[in-house]
C-alpha cells in the first residue's frame, strides 16, 4: 500500500507544478499584453500593410509602380523594426 500512496503524492506534485506553470505563463502573457497595447496594434498594422504591399507588388506590371511599392515596403520594414524594438 505504501507504493500506491507514493504514486498519488507524485501525481499530485506533478499536477501542482503544472498548475503553477500555467499560472506563470498566464501572468507573463498578461504583462506582455499590458506593456503597450497601442504599440502592439501599430506592429500588427504594419505587418498587414507589408502583406498588402507584397501582394500588390506581385501583380504590378509597370516599372514605376513597382518602384513605388518597393520603396513602400522598405519604409514599412524600417517602421516595423522600430516598432518592434519599442515593444521589447
N, C-alpha and C. Protein backbone atom coordinates (compact mmCIF):
# COMPACT_ATOMS: atom_id res chain seq x y z
N UNK A 1 0.82 -1.20 0.00
CA UNK A 1 0.00 0.00 0.00
C UNK A 1 0.86 1.26 0.00
N UNK A 2 2.05 1.18 0.55
CA UNK A 2 2.92 2.34 0.61
C UNK A 2 3.27 2.85 -0.76
N UNK A 3 3.50 1.95 -1.72
CA UNK A 3 3.85 2.37 -3.08
C UNK A 3 2.73 3.13 -3.76
N UNK A 4 1.51 2.71 -3.56
CA UNK A 4 0.37 3.40 -4.17
C UNK A 4 0.24 4.81 -3.61
N UNK A 5 0.47 4.97 -2.34
CA UNK A 5 0.40 6.28 -1.71
C UNK A 5 1.47 7.21 -2.25
N UNK A 6 2.68 6.66 -2.47
CA UNK A 6 3.75 7.48 -3.04
C UNK A 6 3.41 7.92 -4.45
N UNK A 7 2.77 7.04 -5.22
CA UNK A 7 2.37 7.39 -6.58
C UNK A 7 1.36 8.52 -6.60
N UNK A 8 0.43 8.50 -5.64
CA UNK A 8 -0.54 9.58 -5.56
C UNK A 8 0.11 10.91 -5.20
N UNK A 9 1.05 10.84 -4.28
CA UNK A 9 1.76 12.05 -3.87
C UNK A 9 2.55 12.62 -5.05
N UNK A 10 3.23 11.74 -5.82
CA UNK A 10 3.99 12.18 -7.00
C UNK A 10 3.06 12.80 -8.04
N UNK A 11 1.90 12.17 -8.26
CA UNK A 11 0.95 12.68 -9.23
C UNK A 11 0.41 14.05 -8.79
N UNK A 12 0.12 14.18 -7.51
CA UNK A 12 -0.37 15.46 -7.00
C UNK A 12 0.70 16.54 -7.15
N UNK A 13 1.95 16.19 -6.91
CA UNK A 13 3.05 17.15 -7.04
C UNK A 13 3.19 17.59 -8.50
N UNK A 14 3.08 16.63 -9.43
CA UNK A 14 3.18 16.98 -10.85
C UNK A 14 2.02 17.87 -11.27
N UNK A 15 0.84 17.58 -10.80
CA UNK A 15 -0.33 18.40 -11.12
C UNK A 15 -0.14 19.81 -10.58
N UNK A 16 0.31 19.91 -9.35
CA UNK A 16 0.53 21.22 -8.74
C UNK A 16 1.59 22.01 -9.51
N UNK A 17 2.68 21.35 -9.91
CA UNK A 17 3.73 22.01 -10.67
C UNK A 17 3.17 22.52 -12.01
N UNK A 18 2.35 21.70 -12.66
CA UNK A 18 1.77 22.09 -13.95
C UNK A 18 0.83 23.28 -13.77
N UNK A 19 0.04 23.26 -12.71
CA UNK A 19 -0.87 24.38 -12.45
C UNK A 19 -0.09 25.66 -12.20
N UNK A 20 1.00 25.58 -11.46
CA UNK A 20 1.83 26.75 -11.20
C UNK A 20 2.47 27.25 -12.49
N UNK A 21 2.90 26.32 -13.35
CA UNK A 21 3.49 26.69 -14.63
C UNK A 21 2.48 27.41 -15.51
N UNK A 22 1.25 26.89 -15.56
CA UNK A 22 0.20 27.54 -16.36
C UNK A 22 -0.12 28.94 -15.83
N UNK A 23 -0.17 29.08 -14.53
CA UNK A 23 -0.44 30.38 -13.93
C UNK A 23 0.68 31.37 -14.26
N UNK A 24 1.91 30.90 -14.19
CA UNK A 24 3.06 31.75 -14.50
C UNK A 24 2.99 32.20 -15.97
N UNK A 25 2.65 31.27 -16.88
CA UNK A 25 2.53 31.61 -18.30
C UNK A 25 1.43 32.64 -18.52
N UNK A 26 0.30 32.48 -17.83
CA UNK A 26 -0.80 33.44 -17.96
C UNK A 26 -0.39 34.83 -17.48
N UNK A 27 0.30 34.88 -16.35
CA UNK A 27 0.69 36.18 -15.82
C UNK A 27 1.74 36.83 -16.70
N UNK A 28 2.66 36.06 -17.28
CA UNK A 28 3.66 36.62 -18.19
C UNK A 28 2.98 37.15 -19.44
N UNK A 29 1.99 36.44 -19.95
CA UNK A 29 1.26 36.88 -21.13
C UNK A 29 0.52 38.17 -20.82
N UNK A 30 -0.09 38.25 -19.66
CA UNK A 30 -0.82 39.44 -19.27
C UNK A 30 0.12 40.64 -19.18
N UNK A 31 1.31 40.43 -18.65
CA UNK A 31 2.29 41.51 -18.54
C UNK A 31 2.69 41.98 -19.93
N UNK A 32 2.95 41.04 -20.85
CA UNK A 32 3.32 41.41 -22.22
C UNK A 32 2.19 42.20 -22.87
N UNK A 33 0.96 41.79 -22.66
CA UNK A 33 -0.17 42.46 -23.27
C UNK A 33 -0.38 43.85 -22.67
N UNK A 34 -0.03 44.03 -21.42
CA UNK A 34 -0.24 45.32 -20.77
C UNK A 34 0.88 46.31 -21.05
N UNK A 35 1.98 45.84 -21.60
CA UNK A 35 3.11 46.74 -21.84
C UNK A 35 2.68 47.95 -22.64
N UNK A 36 2.20 47.73 -23.83
CA UNK A 36 1.74 48.84 -24.65
C UNK A 36 0.83 48.31 -25.75
N UNK A 37 -0.44 48.23 -25.46
CA UNK A 37 -1.37 47.68 -26.45
C UNK A 37 -1.40 48.51 -27.73
N UNK A 38 -1.22 49.82 -27.61
CA UNK A 38 -1.21 50.66 -28.82
C UNK A 38 -0.01 50.31 -29.70
N UNK A 39 1.12 50.07 -29.09
CA UNK A 39 2.31 49.70 -29.86
C UNK A 39 2.11 48.34 -30.53
N UNK A 40 1.43 47.43 -29.87
CA UNK A 40 1.13 46.13 -30.47
C UNK A 40 0.23 46.31 -31.69
N UNK A 41 -0.73 47.22 -31.58
CA UNK A 41 -1.61 47.50 -32.72
C UNK A 41 -0.82 48.07 -33.89
N UNK A 42 0.15 48.93 -33.58
CA UNK A 42 1.00 49.51 -34.62
C UNK A 42 1.76 48.41 -35.35
N UNK A 43 2.34 47.49 -34.58
CA UNK A 43 3.11 46.39 -35.18
C UNK A 43 2.21 45.54 -36.07
N UNK A 44 1.04 45.18 -35.57
CA UNK A 44 0.12 44.35 -36.36
C UNK A 44 -0.33 45.08 -37.63
N UNK A 45 -0.58 46.37 -37.51
CA UNK A 45 -0.99 47.16 -38.67
C UNK A 45 0.12 47.20 -39.72
N UNK A 46 1.35 47.37 -39.27
CA UNK A 46 2.47 47.39 -40.21
C UNK A 46 2.66 46.04 -40.89
N UNK A 47 2.44 44.96 -40.14
CA UNK A 47 2.56 43.62 -40.75
C UNK A 47 1.50 43.43 -41.83
N UNK A 48 0.28 43.90 -41.55
CA UNK A 48 -0.78 43.80 -42.55
C UNK A 48 -0.47 44.66 -43.78
N UNK A 49 0.04 45.86 -43.54
CA UNK A 49 0.41 46.74 -44.65
C UNK A 49 1.49 46.09 -45.51
N UNK A 50 2.44 45.46 -44.86
CA UNK A 50 3.52 44.80 -45.59
C UNK A 50 2.97 43.69 -46.49
N UNK A 51 2.07 42.90 -45.96
CA UNK A 51 1.46 41.83 -46.76
C UNK A 51 0.71 42.40 -47.97
N UNK A 52 0.01 43.50 -47.75
CA UNK A 52 -0.74 44.12 -48.84
C UNK A 52 0.20 44.66 -49.92
N UNK A 53 1.28 45.32 -49.51
CA UNK A 53 2.24 45.82 -50.50
C UNK A 53 2.90 44.68 -51.26
N UNK A 54 3.20 43.59 -50.57
CA UNK A 54 3.77 42.43 -51.25
C UNK A 54 2.80 41.87 -52.28
N UNK A 55 1.52 41.83 -51.91
CA UNK A 55 0.50 41.34 -52.84
C UNK A 55 0.43 42.23 -54.07
N UNK A 56 0.41 43.53 -53.84
CA UNK A 56 0.35 44.47 -54.95
C UNK A 56 1.59 44.37 -55.83
N UNK A 57 2.74 44.22 -55.20
CA UNK A 57 3.99 44.12 -55.95
C UNK A 57 4.01 42.87 -56.83
N UNK A 58 3.43 41.81 -56.34
CA UNK A 58 3.43 40.57 -57.12
C UNK A 58 2.59 40.67 -58.39
N UNK A 59 1.64 41.62 -58.42
CA UNK A 59 0.79 41.76 -59.60
C UNK A 59 1.10 43.01 -60.43
N UNK A 60 1.96 43.90 -59.91
CA UNK A 60 2.27 45.14 -60.62
C UNK A 60 3.08 44.85 -61.87
N UNK A 61 2.72 45.53 -62.95
CA UNK A 61 3.43 45.33 -64.22
C UNK A 61 4.23 46.57 -64.64
N UNK A 62 3.81 47.75 -64.23
CA UNK A 62 4.52 48.98 -64.59
C UNK A 62 5.72 49.18 -63.67
N UNK A 63 6.84 49.52 -64.29
CA UNK A 63 8.08 49.66 -63.52
C UNK A 63 7.99 50.78 -62.48
N UNK A 64 7.35 51.88 -62.81
CA UNK A 64 7.22 52.99 -61.85
C UNK A 64 6.43 52.55 -60.62
N UNK A 65 5.36 51.81 -60.83
CA UNK A 65 4.55 51.32 -59.71
C UNK A 65 5.35 50.32 -58.88
N UNK A 66 6.12 49.48 -59.54
CA UNK A 66 6.95 48.51 -58.82
C UNK A 66 7.97 49.24 -57.93
N UNK A 67 8.54 50.33 -58.44
CA UNK A 67 9.49 51.12 -57.64
C UNK A 67 8.79 51.74 -56.44
N UNK A 68 7.58 52.26 -56.65
CA UNK A 68 6.81 52.84 -55.54
C UNK A 68 6.54 51.79 -54.46
N UNK A 69 6.11 50.63 -54.88
CA UNK A 69 5.79 49.56 -53.93
C UNK A 69 7.04 49.07 -53.21
N UNK A 70 8.15 48.99 -53.91
CA UNK A 70 9.40 48.57 -53.28
C UNK A 70 9.82 49.59 -52.23
N UNK A 71 9.69 50.88 -52.57
CA UNK A 71 10.02 51.93 -51.60
C UNK A 71 9.08 51.87 -50.40
N UNK A 72 7.80 51.61 -50.65
CA UNK A 72 6.84 51.50 -49.55
C UNK A 72 7.18 50.31 -48.65
N UNK A 73 7.57 49.19 -49.25
CA UNK A 73 7.97 48.02 -48.46
C UNK A 73 9.19 48.33 -47.60
N UNK A 74 10.15 49.04 -48.17
CA UNK A 74 11.34 49.41 -47.40
C UNK A 74 10.97 50.28 -46.20
N UNK A 75 10.06 51.23 -46.43
CA UNK A 75 9.61 52.11 -45.35
C UNK A 75 8.85 51.33 -44.28
N UNK A 76 7.98 50.45 -44.68
CA UNK A 76 7.22 49.63 -43.72
C UNK A 76 8.18 48.76 -42.92
N UNK A 77 9.16 48.17 -43.58
CA UNK A 77 10.15 47.34 -42.87
C UNK A 77 10.91 48.17 -41.84
N UNK A 78 11.30 49.39 -42.22
CA UNK A 78 12.03 50.26 -41.28
C UNK A 78 11.15 50.59 -40.07
N UNK A 79 9.90 50.95 -40.33
CA UNK A 79 8.99 51.28 -39.23
C UNK A 79 8.68 50.06 -38.38
N UNK A 80 8.59 48.90 -39.00
CA UNK A 80 8.31 47.68 -38.26
C UNK A 80 9.45 47.34 -37.31
N UNK A 81 10.68 47.49 -37.76
CA UNK A 81 11.84 47.25 -36.89
C UNK A 81 11.80 48.19 -35.70
N UNK A 82 11.53 49.47 -35.97
CA UNK A 82 11.46 50.46 -34.88
C UNK A 82 10.34 50.13 -33.89
N UNK A 83 9.18 49.78 -34.42
CA UNK A 83 8.02 49.48 -33.56
C UNK A 83 8.28 48.23 -32.72
N UNK A 84 8.89 47.23 -33.32
CA UNK A 84 9.17 46.00 -32.57
C UNK A 84 10.22 46.25 -31.50
N UNK A 85 11.16 47.12 -31.78
CA UNK A 85 12.18 47.47 -30.80
C UNK A 85 11.53 48.13 -29.59
N UNK A 86 10.58 49.02 -29.83
CA UNK A 86 9.87 49.69 -28.74
C UNK A 86 9.02 48.74 -27.93
N UNK A 87 8.49 47.73 -28.63
CA UNK A 87 7.62 46.75 -27.97
C UNK A 87 8.42 45.85 -27.04
N UNK A 88 9.67 45.65 -27.36
CA UNK A 88 10.50 44.85 -26.49
C UNK A 88 10.68 43.52 -27.00
